[in-house]
Amino acid sequence: MVSYSCSLTVITIVDDDMSNTGYRYVQAFLLVAELQSFTRAARGAGHDAGIRQHEAEVERVLGKRLVERSPRAVALTAAGSAFVPNAAR
């Protein structure tokens, strides 16, 4: 079971098996934000590793749309731009 606690500035995802689930999800979001592409983010991570799903899970937990998706690019929303400095800590 995974439990969540979040605000726009803090996201904590605690997995029962004590894995780094939250860290992986936030890292996926940061790669997407930096590279503005799910494809390039997956390559940057060295594998697909569910980049889209991890980023979507951060959005779901926060209850905010963090990126706008188009067929060729990804752009940060206002909430995504506000979250980047806090996620990078």
Protein backbone atom coordinates (compact mmCIF):
# COMPACT_ATOMS: atom_id res chain seq x y z
CA MET A 1 0.00 0.00 0.00
CA VAL A 2 1.19 3.52 -0.83
CA SER A 3 0.16 6.52 1.25
CA TYR A 4 0.35 10.13 0.11
CA SER A 5 0.73 13.48 1.79
CA CYS A 6 1.09 16.56 -0.35
CA SER A 7 0.78 20.27 -0.92
CA LEU A 8 2.02 22.31 -3.86
CA THR A 9 5.38 22.75 -2.14
CA VAL A 10 5.80 19.34 -0.51
CA ILE A 11 5.20 15.85 -1.80
CA THR A 12 5.83 12.81 0.32
CA ILE A 13 5.07 9.38 -1.02
CA VAL A 14 5.74 6.61 1.46
CA ASP A 15 5.68 3.08 0.14
CA ASP A 16 5.20 0.19 2.55
CA ASP A 17 8.31 -1.51 1.17
CA MET A 18 10.32 1.68 1.94
CA SER A 19 11.37 2.13 -1.70
CA ASN A 20 12.21 5.50 -3.20
CA THR A 21 8.87 5.76 -4.97
CA GLY A 22 8.34 9.46 -4.31
CA TYR A 23 11.89 10.31 -5.32
CA ARG A 24 11.53 8.45 -8.63
CA TYR A 25 8.22 10.16 -9.39
CA VAL A 26 9.56 13.63 -8.71
CA GLN A 27 12.77 12.90 -10.66
CA ALA A 28 10.64 11.84 -13.63
CA PHE A 29 8.71 15.13 -13.43
CA LEU A 30 11.95 17.13 -13.23
CA LEU A 31 13.40 15.36 -16.29
CA VAL A 32 10.23 16.04 -18.26
CA ALA A 33 10.25 19.69 -17.13
CA GLU A 34 13.91 20.18 -18.03
CA LEU A 35 13.86 18.39 -21.38
CA GLN A 36 10.30 19.38 -22.35
CA SER A 37 9.72 15.94 -23.81
CA PHE A 38 8.68 12.55 -22.47
CA THR A 39 10.81 10.82 -25.11
CA ARG A 40 13.97 12.78 -24.25
CA ALA A 41 13.26 12.34 -20.53
CA ALA A 42 13.03 8.58 -21.00
CA ARG A 43 16.33 8.61 -22.91
CA GLY A 44 17.89 10.81 -20.21
CA ALA A 45 16.82 8.30 -17.58
CA GLY A 46 18.42 5.56 -19.64
CA HIS A 47 15.15 3.70 -20.05
CA ASP A 48 11.42 4.32 -20.40
CA ALA A 49 10.80 3.32 -16.76
CA GLY A 50 7.27 4.67 -16.82
CA ILE A 51 8.26 8.34 -17.17
CA ARG A 52 4.76 9.33 -18.29
CA GLN A 53 3.11 7.34 -15.53
CA HIS A 54 5.41 8.71 -12.84
CA GLU A 55 4.84 12.31 -13.96
CA ALA A 56 1.08 11.69 -14.11
CA GLU A 57 1.15 10.26 -10.59
CA VAL A 58 2.77 13.45 -9.26
CA GLU A 59 -0.03 15.42 -10.95
CA ARG A 60 -2.65 13.10 -9.47
CA VAL A 61 -1.22 13.36 -5.96
CA LEU A 62 -0.94 17.15 -6.13
CA GLY A 63 -4.31 17.53 -7.79
CA LYS A 64 -2.76 19.95 -10.29
CA ARG A 65 -1.92 19.75 -13.97
CA LEU A 66 1.85 20.34 -14.10
CA VAL A 67 2.48 20.02 -17.84
CA GLU A 68 0.57 20.68 -21.03
CA ARG A 69 1.10 17.92 -23.54
CA SER A 70 1.19 18.22 -27.32
CA PRO A 71 2.27 15.65 -29.90
CA ARG A 72 5.74 17.19 -30.20
CA ALA A 73 6.46 18.94 -26.91
CA VAL A 74 5.64 19.40 -23.25
CA ALA A 75 5.25 22.81 -21.62
CA LEU A 76 5.00 23.57 -17.93
CA THR A 77 1.79 25.04 -16.58
CA ALA A 78 1.89 27.80 -13.95
CA ALA A 79 1.57 25.11 -11.26
CA GLY A 80 4.39 23.11 -12.88
CA SER A 81 6.66 26.15 -12.96
CA ALA A 82 5.89 26.84 -9.29
CA PHE A 83 6.58 23.22 -8.34
CA VAL A 84 9.99 22.88 -10.08
CA PRO A 85 12.09 24.81 -7.52
CA ASN A 86 10.48 22.93 -4.64
CA ALA A 87 10.78 19.55 -6.34
CA ALA A 88 14.45 20.15 -7.09
CA ARG A 89 15.32 20.47 -3.38
